[in-house]
Structure formats: C-alpha cells, structure tokens
Amino acid sequence: MAITFPNEARSFDDKNRCVRFSGYDGMFEVKFYLATEVLACEKSHRNASESDYLTSFDTLRPRILKAAASAYAKEGSSAISLSLENFR
C-alpha cells in the first residue's frame, strides 16, 4: 500500500528544530521530521519564528509530501527525518 497524507496537521518542534507531520501506510502511522533548513533560506533561518516555519511548510506542502513519499518508499521506516538531501 502507498503512503497517504490525509491529515494536514503539522507542528513545530522547537527543541529539535523541525516540523513534525504524519503519513499513513494503511493503518500504520509514519512520523516525519522536516529539518527547518528546508523551510528557510540561510539569511532568514536564524530569525525565523514558529509561524514562519509553519507558513513555509504550508506553501511547500506538495513538494514536501512528494519528498516524504519518496523517502518512505526507500526507507520504509516508521520515523523518517527529511533534510535538504531529500529535495535534490
């Protein structure tokens, strides 16, 4: 079964500096952790707020979900970290 993203919820994890979101492979939840470096250019990265990261995530959602699906197809893990490498 392919991974789906029916839930649009996402949250900012300040401690780990990432945005968390979930996908589902059938009834199994897959947790994704998106590094903030993906969401902000270097110049504004240091000054970006939680709201900035979540807005950027929403703007880039189609691309992020495509990269997440690709990473899941390769790794098949229940927890996947996404970095800039996943978007090249």
PDB file of N, CA and C in Angstrom:
ATOM      1  N   MET A   1       0.842  -1.180   0.000  1.00  0.00           N
ATOM      2  CA  MET A   1       0.000   0.000   0.000  1.00  0.00           C
ATOM      3  C   MET A   1       0.891   1.249   0.000  1.00  0.00           C
ATOM      4  N   ALA A   2       0.487   2.252  -0.683  1.00  0.00           N
ATOM      5  CA  ALA A   2       1.255   3.505  -0.763  1.00  0.00           C
ATOM      6  C   ALA A   2       0.942   4.405   0.426  1.00  0.00           C
ATOM      7  N   ILE A   3       1.877   5.254   0.757  1.00  0.00           N
ATOM      8  CA  ILE A   3       1.671   6.177   1.868  1.00  0.00           C
ATOM      9  C   ILE A   3       0.728   7.298   1.442  1.00  0.00           C
ATOM     10  N   THR A   4      -0.131   7.717   2.356  1.00  0.00           N
ATOM     11  CA  THR A   4      -1.053   8.821   2.118  1.00  0.00           C
ATOM     12  C   THR A   4      -0.892   9.844   3.234  1.00  0.00           C
ATOM     13  N   PHE A   5      -1.373  11.048   2.977  1.00  0.00           N
ATOM     14  CA  PHE A   5      -1.275  12.140   3.943  1.00  0.00           C
ATOM     15  C   PHE A   5      -2.649  12.789   4.121  1.00  0.00           C
ATOM     16  N   PRO A   6      -3.603  12.050   4.715  1.00  0.00           N
ATOM     17  CA  PRO A   6      -4.958  12.582   4.841  1.00  0.00           C
ATOM     18  C   PRO A   6      -5.098  13.666   5.907  1.00  0.00           C
ATOM     19  N   ASN A   7      -4.182  13.711   6.851  1.00  0.00           N
ATOM     20  CA  ASN A   7      -4.240  14.666   7.942  1.00  0.00           C
ATOM     21  C   ASN A   7      -3.298  15.833   7.639  1.00  0.00           C
ATOM     22  N   GLU A   8      -3.826  17.031   7.570  1.00  0.00           N
ATOM     23  CA  GLU A   8      -3.000  18.198   7.240  1.00  0.00           C
ATOM     24  C   GLU A   8      -2.306  18.795   8.459  1.00  0.00           C
ATOM     25  N   ALA A   9      -2.462  18.181   9.612  1.00  0.00           N
ATOM     26  CA  ALA A   9      -1.849  18.702  10.832  1.00  0.00           C
ATOM     27  C   ALA A   9      -0.327  18.646  10.726  1.00  0.00           C
ATOM     28  N   ARG A  10       0.305  19.651  11.293  1.00  0.00           N
ATOM     29  CA  ARG A  10       1.752  19.712  11.400  1.00  0.00           C
ATOM     30  C   ARG A  10       2.057  20.551  12.620  1.00  0.00           C
ATOM     31  N   SER A  11       3.210  20.325  13.222  1.00  0.00           N
ATOM     32  CA  SER A  11       3.575  21.094  14.406  1.00  0.00           C
ATOM     33  C   SER A  11       5.067  21.384  14.393  1.00  0.00           C
ATOM     34  N   PHE A  12       5.414  22.466  15.055  1.00  0.00           N
ATOM     35  CA  PHE A  12       6.812  22.865  15.128  1.00  0.00           C
ATOM     36  C   PHE A  12       7.412  22.316  16.408  1.00  0.00           C
ATOM     37  N   ASP A  13       8.561  21.689  16.303  1.00  0.00           N
ATOM     38  CA  ASP A  13       9.293  21.137  17.443  1.00  0.00           C
ATOM     39  C   ASP A  13      10.519  22.025  17.651  1.00  0.00           C
ATOM     40  N   ASP A  14      10.407  22.949  18.593  1.00  0.00           N
ATOM     41  CA  ASP A  14      11.478  23.918  18.820  1.00  0.00           C
ATOM     42  C   ASP A  14      12.745  23.251  19.350  1.00  0.00           C
ATOM     43  N   LYS A  15      12.593  22.252  20.190  1.00  0.00           N
ATOM     44  CA  LYS A  15      13.758  21.564  20.773  1.00  0.00           C
ATOM     45  C   LYS A  15      14.611  20.908  19.683  1.00  0.00           C
ATOM     46  N   ASN A  16      13.964  20.234  18.733  1.00  0.00           N
ATOM     47  CA  ASN A  16      14.688  19.534  17.668  1.00  0.00           C
ATOM     48  C   ASN A  16      14.775  20.329  16.369  1.00  0.00           C
ATOM     49  N   ARG A  17      14.221  21.541  16.375  1.00  0.00           N
ATOM     50  CA  ARG A  17      14.262  22.449  15.218  1.00  0.00           C
ATOM     51  C   ARG A  17      13.771  21.745  13.947  1.00  0.00           C
ATOM     52  N   CYS A  18      12.544  21.273  14.020  1.00  0.00           N
ATOM     53  CA  CYS A  18      11.948  20.611  12.867  1.00  0.00           C
ATOM     54  C   CYS A  18      10.435  20.797  12.884  1.00  0.00           C
ATOM     55  N   VAL A  19       9.815  20.483  11.762  1.00  0.00           N
ATOM     56  CA  VAL A  19       8.359  20.450  11.684  1.00  0.00           C
ATOM     57  C   VAL A  19       7.971  18.981  11.604  1.00  0.00           C
ATOM     58  N   ARG A  20       7.051  18.586  12.462  1.00  0.00           N
ATOM     59  CA  ARG A  20       6.597  17.201  12.502  1.00  0.00           C
ATOM     60  C   ARG A  20       5.252  17.075  11.788  1.00  0.00           C
ATOM     61  N   PHE A  21       5.099  15.982  11.047  1.00  0.00           N
ATOM     62  CA  PHE A  21       3.825  15.670  10.404  1.00  0.00           C
ATOM     63  C   PHE A  21       3.752  14.168  10.211  1.00  0.00           C
ATOM     64  N   SER A  22       2.574  13.661   9.883  1.00  0.00           N
ATOM     65  CA  SER A  22       2.383  12.216   9.770  1.00  0.00           C
ATOM     66  C   SER A  22       1.815  11.821   8.430  1.00  0.00           C
ATOM     67  N   GLY A  23       2.113  10.602   8.065  1.00  0.00           N
ATOM     68  CA  GLY A  23       1.524   9.957   6.900  1.00  0.00           C
ATOM     69  C   GLY A  23       1.016   8.602   7.344  1.00  0.00           C
ATOM     70  N   TYR A  24       0.280   7.926   6.469  1.00  0.00           N
ATOM     71  CA  TYR A  24      -0.274   6.632   6.832  1.00  0.00           C
ATOM     72  C   TYR A  24      -0.088   5.637   5.701  1.00  0.00           C
ATOM     73  N   ASP A  25       0.390   4.462   6.079  1.00  0.00           N
ATOM     74  CA  ASP A  25       0.505   3.343   5.164  1.00  0.00           C
ATOM     75  C   ASP A  25      -0.533   2.337   5.657  1.00  0.00           C
ATOM     76  N   GLY A  26      -1.702   2.403   5.050  1.00  0.00           N
ATOM     77  CA  GLY A  26      -2.812   1.612   5.568  1.00  0.00           C
ATOM     78  C   GLY A  26      -3.167   2.144   6.941  1.00  0.00           C
ATOM     79  N   MET A  27      -3.144   1.277   7.940  1.00  0.00           N
ATOM     80  CA  MET A  27      -3.486   1.713   9.298  1.00  0.00           C
ATOM     81  C   MET A  27      -2.250   2.094  10.128  1.00  0.00           C
ATOM     82  N   PHE A  28      -1.066   2.025   9.534  1.00  0.00           N
ATOM     83  CA  PHE A  28       0.167   2.326  10.252  1.00  0.00           C
ATOM     84  C   PHE A  28       0.581   3.784  10.059  1.00  0.00           C
ATOM     85  N   GLU A  29       0.826   4.456  11.183  1.00  0.00           N
ATOM     86  CA  GLU A  29       1.265   5.851  11.142  1.00  0.00           C
ATOM     87  C   GLU A  29       2.776   5.915  10.901  1.00  0.00           C
ATOM     88  N   VAL A  30       3.178   6.838  10.049  1.00  0.00           N
ATOM     89  CA  VAL A  30       4.590   7.093   9.775  1.00  0.00           C
ATOM     90  C   VAL A  30       4.858   8.540  10.174  1.00  0.00           C
ATOM     91  N   LYS A  31       5.819   8.738  11.066  1.00  0.00           N
ATOM     92  CA  LYS A  31       6.143  10.080  11.545  1.00  0.00           C
ATOM     93  C   LYS A  31       7.285  10.655  10.721  1.00  0.00           C
ATOM     94  N   PHE A  32       7.113  11.905  10.315  1.00  0.00           N
ATOM     95  CA  PHE A  32       8.129  12.607   9.537  1.00  0.00           C
ATOM     96  C   PHE A  32       8.614  13.818  10.322  1.00  0.00           C
ATOM     97  N   TYR A  33       9.902  14.081  10.198  1.00  0.00           N
ATOM     98  CA  TYR A  33      10.538  15.221  10.853  1.00  0.00           C
ATOM     99  C   TYR A  33      11.283  16.009   9.776  1.00  0.00           C
ATOM    100  N   LEU A  34      10.800  17.197   9.481  1.00  0.00           N
ATOM    101  CA  LEU A  34      11.368  18.027   8.424  1.00  0.00           C
ATOM    102  C   LEU A  34      12.283  19.080   9.035  1.00  0.00           C
ATOM    103  N   ALA A  35      13.549  19.037   8.683  1.00  0.00           N
ATOM    104  CA  ALA A  35      14.532  19.995   9.207  1.00  0.00           C
ATOM    105  C   ALA A  35      14.152  21.422   8.791  1.00  0.00           C
ATOM    106  N   THR A  36      14.341  22.362   9.708  1.00  0.00           N
ATOM    107  CA  THR A  36      13.989  23.750   9.417  1.00  0.00           C
ATOM    108  C   THR A  36      14.820  24.329   8.276  1.00  0.00           C
ATOM    109  N   GLU A  37      16.012  23.783   8.036  1.00  0.00           N
ATOM    110  CA  GLU A  37      16.856  24.289   6.943  1.00  0.00           C
ATOM    111  C   GLU A  37      16.159  24.167   5.590  1.00  0.00           C
ATOM    112  N   VAL A  38      15.222  23.250   5.478  1.00  0.00           N
ATOM    113  CA  VAL A  38      14.474  23.078   4.227  1.00  0.00           C
ATOM    114  C   VAL A  38      13.496  24.232   4.030  1.00  0.00           C
ATOM    115  N   LEU A  39      13.048  24.809   5.120  1.00  0.00           N
ATOM    116  CA  LEU A  39      11.978  25.802   5.063  1.00  0.00           C
ATOM    117  C   LEU A  39      12.419  27.251   5.047  1.00  0.00           C
ATOM    118  N   ALA A  40      13.675  27.516   5.305  1.00  0.00           N
ATOM    119  CA  ALA A  40      14.123  28.907   5.377  1.00  0.00           C
ATOM    120  C   ALA A  40      15.447  29.083   4.658  1.00  0.00           C
ATOM    121  N   CYS A  41      15.572  30.178   3.957  1.00  0.00           N
ATOM    122  CA  CYS A  41      16.865  30.457   3.334  1.00  0.00           C
ATOM    123  C   CYS A  41      17.863  30.822   4.425  1.00  0.00           C
ATOM    124  N   GLU A  42      19.122  30.669   4.156  1.00  0.00           N
ATOM    125  CA  GLU A  42      20.176  30.869   5.159  1.00  0.00           C
ATOM    126  C   GLU A  42      20.100  32.249   5.821  1.00  0.00           C
ATOM    127  N   LYS A  43      19.781  33.261   5.044  1.00  0.00           N
ATOM    128  CA  LYS A  43      19.755  34.628   5.580  1.00  0.00           C
ATOM    129  C   LYS A  43      18.708  34.781   6.684  1.00  0.00           C
ATOM    130  N   SER A  44      17.515  34.218   6.478  1.00  0.00           N
ATOM    131  CA  SER A  44      16.441  34.410   7.452  1.00  0.00           C
ATOM    132  C   SER A  44      16.307  33.249   8.425  1.00  0.00           C
ATOM    133  N   HIS A  45      17.078  32.202   8.245  1.00  0.00           N
ATOM    134  CA  HIS A  45      16.956  30.989   9.054  1.00  0.00           C
ATOM    135  C   HIS A  45      17.100  31.276  10.547  1.00  0.00           C
ATOM    136  N   ARG A  46      18.037  32.101  10.921  1.00  0.00           N
ATOM    137  CA  ARG A  46      18.291  32.380  12.337  1.00  0.00           C
ATOM    138  C   ARG A  46      17.171  33.166  12.987  1.00  0.00           C
ATOM    139  N   ASN A  47      16.469  33.987  12.207  1.00  0.00           N
ATOM    140  CA  ASN A  47      15.436  34.854  12.766  1.00  0.00           C
ATOM    141  C   ASN A  47      14.018  34.349  12.525  1.00  0.00           C
ATOM    142  N   ALA A  48      13.866  33.201  11.921  1.00  0.00           N
ATOM    143  CA  ALA A  48      12.538  32.690  11.600  1.00  0.00           C
ATOM    144  C   ALA A  48      11.817  32.240  12.870  1.00  0.00           C
ATOM    145  N   SER A  49      10.511  32.480  12.892  1.00  0.00           N
ATOM    146  CA  SER A  49       9.688  32.082  14.035  1.00  0.00           C
ATOM    147  C   SER A  49       8.931  30.789  13.712  1.00  0.00           C
ATOM    148  N   GLU A  50       8.296  30.237  14.717  1.00  0.00           N
ATOM    149  CA  GLU A  50       7.471  29.046  14.528  1.00  0.00           C
ATOM    150  C   GLU A  50       6.430  29.295  13.432  1.00  0.00           C
ATOM    151  N   SER A  51       5.809  30.432  13.475  1.00  0.00           N
ATOM    152  CA  SER A  51       4.805  30.785  12.473  1.00  0.00           C
ATOM    153  C   SER A  51       5.406  30.837  11.071  1.00  0.00           C
ATOM    154  N   ASP A  52       6.613  31.374  10.957  1.00  0.00           N
ATOM    155  CA  ASP A  52       7.297  31.440   9.661  1.00  0.00           C
ATOM    156  C   ASP A  52       7.521  30.037   9.105  1.00  0.00           C
ATOM    157  N   TYR A  53       7.986  29.123   9.954  1.00  0.00           N
ATOM    158  CA  TYR A  53       8.250  27.753   9.507  1.00  0.00           C
ATOM    159  C   TYR A  53       6.968  27.043   9.086  1.00  0.00           C
ATOM    160  N   LEU A  54       5.902  27.213   9.851  1.00  0.00           N
ATOM    161  CA  LEU A  54       4.646  26.539   9.522  1.00  0.00           C
ATOM    162  C   LEU A  54       4.020  27.112   8.252  1.00  0.00           C
ATOM    163  N   THR A  55       4.143  28.415   8.068  1.00  0.00           N
ATOM    164  CA  THR A  55       3.645  29.027   6.839  1.00  0.00           C
ATOM    165  C   THR A  55       4.441  28.535   5.640  1.00  0.00           C
ATOM    166  N   SER A  56       5.738  28.445   5.783  1.00  0.00           N
ATOM    167  CA  SER A  56       6.593  27.931   4.721  1.00  0.00           C
ATOM    168  C   SER A  56       6.242  26.482   4.417  1.00  0.00           C
ATOM    169  N   PHE A  57       6.003  25.682   5.446  1.00  0.00           N
ATOM    170  CA  PHE A  57       5.610  24.290   5.253  1.00  0.00           C
ATOM    171  C   PHE A  57       4.329  24.224   4.423  1.00  0.00           C
ATOM    172  N   ASP A  58       3.350  25.032   4.798  1.00  0.00           N
ATOM    173  CA  ASP A  58       2.073  25.027   4.067  1.00  0.00           C
ATOM    174  C   ASP A  58       2.257  25.412   2.608  1.00  0.00           C
ATOM    175  N   THR A  59       3.121  26.367   2.353  1.00  0.00           N
ATOM    176  CA  THR A  59       3.390  26.806   0.984  1.00  0.00           C
ATOM    177  C   THR A  59       4.065  25.706   0.169  1.00  0.00           C
ATOM    178  N   LEU A  60       4.979  24.988   0.807  1.00  0.00           N
ATOM    179  CA  LEU A  60       5.754  23.950   0.125  1.00  0.00           C
ATOM    180  C   LEU A  60       5.155  22.545   0.277  1.00  0.00           C
ATOM    181  N   ARG A  61       3.975  22.447   0.863  1.00  0.00           N
ATOM    182  CA  ARG A  61       3.378  21.146   1.185  1.00  0.00           C
ATOM    183  C   ARG A  61       3.413  20.131   0.036  1.00  0.00           C
ATOM    184  N   PRO A  62       3.002  20.459  -1.183  1.00  0.00           N
ATOM    185  CA  PRO A  62       3.043  19.440  -2.252  1.00  0.00           C
ATOM    186  C   PRO A  62       4.448  18.875  -2.479  1.00  0.00           C
ATOM    187  N   ARG A  63       5.423  19.725  -2.482  1.00  0.00           N
ATOM    188  CA  ARG A  63       6.817  19.282  -2.686  1.00  0.00           C
ATOM    189  C   ARG A  63       7.313  18.465  -1.501  1.00  0.00           C
ATOM    190  N   ILE A  64       6.953  18.886  -0.295  1.00  0.00           N
ATOM    191  CA  ILE A  64       7.366  18.171   0.915  1.00  0.00           C
ATOM    192  C   ILE A  64       6.752  16.777   0.937  1.00  0.00           C
ATOM    193  N   LEU A  65       5.465  16.675   0.630  1.00  0.00           N
ATOM    194  CA  LEU A  65       4.799  15.368   0.651  1.00  0.00           C
ATOM    195  C   LEU A  65       5.353  14.440  -0.421  1.00  0.00           C
ATOM    196  N   LYS A  66       5.733  14.992  -1.555  1.00  0.00           N
ATOM    197  CA  LYS A  66       6.356  14.188  -2.609  1.00  0.00           C
ATOM    198  C   LYS A  66       7.699  13.638  -2.124  1.00  0.00           C
ATOM    199  N   ALA A  67       8.502  14.486  -1.485  1.00  0.00           N
ATOM    200  CA  ALA A  67       9.792  14.047  -0.949  1.00  0.00           C
ATOM    201  C   ALA A  67       9.592  13.036   0.178  1.00  0.00           C
ATOM    202  N   ALA A  68       8.576  13.244   0.996  1.00  0.00           N
ATOM    203  CA  ALA A  68       8.289  12.316   2.090  1.00  0.00           C
ATOM    204  C   ALA A  68       7.888  10.947   1.550  1.00  0.00           C
ATOM    205  N   ALA A  69       7.040  10.926   0.526  1.00  0.00           N
ATOM    206  CA  ALA A  69       6.625   9.659  -0.077  1.00  0.00           C
ATOM    207  C   ALA A  69       7.817   8.932  -0.690  1.00  0.00           C
ATOM    208  N   SER A  70       8.694   9.671  -1.327  1.00  0.00           N
ATOM    209  CA  SER A  70       9.894   9.087  -1.931  1.00  0.00           C
ATOM    210  C   SER A  70      10.810   8.501  -0.853  1.00  0.00           C
ATOM    211  N   ALA A  71      11.018   9.249   0.232  1.00  0.00           N
ATOM    212  CA  ALA A  71      11.869   8.777   1.327  1.00  0.00           C
ATOM    213  C   ALA A  71      11.261   7.533   1.966  1.00  0.00           C
ATOM    214  N   TYR A  72       9.951   7.515   2.116  1.00  0.00           N
ATOM    215  CA  TYR A  72       9.290   6.350   2.709  1.00  0.00           C
ATOM    216  C   TYR A  72       9.428   5.130   1.800  1.00  0.00           C
ATOM    217  N   ALA A  73       9.296   5.333   0.509  1.00  0.00           N
ATOM    218  CA  ALA A  73       9.433   4.218  -0.439  1.00  0.00           C
ATOM    219  C   ALA A  73      10.832   3.605  -0.352  1.00  0.00           C
ATOM    220  N   LYS A  74      11.838   4.430  -0.091  1.00  0.00           N
ATOM    221  CA  LYS A  74      13.212   3.938   0.014  1.00  0.00           C
ATOM    222  C   LYS A  74      13.508   3.317   1.380  1.00  0.00           C
ATOM    223  N   GLU A  75      13.033   3.973   2.451  1.00  0.00           N
ATOM    224  CA  GLU A  75      13.390   3.559   3.802  1.00  0.00           C
ATOM    225  C   GLU A  75      12.384   2.603   4.439  1.00  0.00           C
ATOM    226  N   GLY A  76      11.095   2.854   4.206  1.00  0.00           N
ATOM    227  CA  GLY A  76      10.062   2.020   4.786  1.00  0.00           C
ATOM    228  C   GLY A  76      10.019   2.034   6.310  1.00  0.00           C
ATOM    229  N   SER A  77      10.567   3.058   6.916  1.00  0.00           N
ATOM    230  CA  SER A  77      10.642   3.161   8.369  1.00  0.00           C
ATOM    231  C   SER A  77       9.386   3.829   8.936  1.00  0.00           C
ATOM    232  N   SER A  78       9.162   3.679  10.241  1.00  0.00           N
ATOM    233  CA  SER A  78       8.005   4.320  10.870  1.00  0.00           C
ATOM    234  C   SER A  78       8.325   5.738  11.340  1.00  0.00           C
ATOM    235  N   ALA A  79       9.583   6.144  11.215  1.00  0.00           N
ATOM    236  CA  ALA A  79      10.008   7.510  11.555  1.00  0.00           C
ATOM    237  C   ALA A  79      11.099   7.918  10.566  1.00  0.00           C
ATOM    238  N   ILE A  80      10.847   9.022   9.860  1.00  0.00           N
ATOM    239  CA  ILE A  80      11.766   9.454   8.809  1.00  0.00           C
ATOM    240  C   ILE A  80      12.111  10.927   8.978  1.00  0.00           C
ATOM    241  N   SER A  81      13.394  11.232   8.964  1.00  0.00           N
ATOM    242  CA  SER A  81      13.861  12.611   9.003  1.00  0.00           C
ATOM    243  C   SER A  81      14.154  13.065   7.580  1.00  0.00           C
ATOM    244  N   LEU A  82      13.642  14.241   7.245  1.00  0.00           N
ATOM    245  CA  LEU A  82      13.860  14.813   5.917  1.00  0.00           C
ATOM    246  C   LEU A  82      14.780  16.022   6.034  1.00  0.00           C
ATOM    247  N   SER A  83      15.782  16.070   5.170  1.00  0.00           N
ATOM    248  CA  SER A  83      16.718  17.188   5.142  1.00  0.00           C
ATOM    249  C   SER A  83      16.782  17.716   3.711  1.00  0.00           C
ATOM    250  N   LEU A  84      17.673  18.662   3.491  1.00  0.00           N
ATOM    251  CA  LEU A  84      17.830  19.216   2.141  1.00  0.00           C
ATOM    252  C   LEU A  84      18.173  18.138   1.112  1.00  0.00           C
ATOM    253  N   GLU A  85      18.881  17.098   1.533  1.00  0.00           N
ATOM    254  CA  GLU A  85      19.249  15.994   0.625  1.00  0.00           C
ATOM    255  C   GLU A  85      18.022  15.345  -0.020  1.00  0.00           C
ATOM    256  N   ASN A  86      16.926  15.307   0.679  1.00  0.00           N
ATOM    257  CA  ASN A  86      15.704  14.687   0.146  1.00  0.00           C
ATOM    258  C   ASN A  86      15.042  15.519  -0.937  1.00  0.00           C
ATOM    259  N   PHE A  87      15.511  16.739  -1.130  1.00  0.00           N
ATOM    260  CA  PHE A  87      14.887  17.650  -2.088  1.00  0.00           C
ATOM    261  C   PHE A  87      15.782  17.922  -3.294  1.00  0.00           C
ATOM    262  N   ARG A  88      16.860  17.175  -3.445  1.00  0.00           N
ATOM    263  CA  ARG A  88      17.773  17.373  -4.572  1.00  0.00           C
ATOM    264  C   ARG A  88      17.526  16.345  -5.629  1.00  0.00           C
TER     265      ARG A  88
END
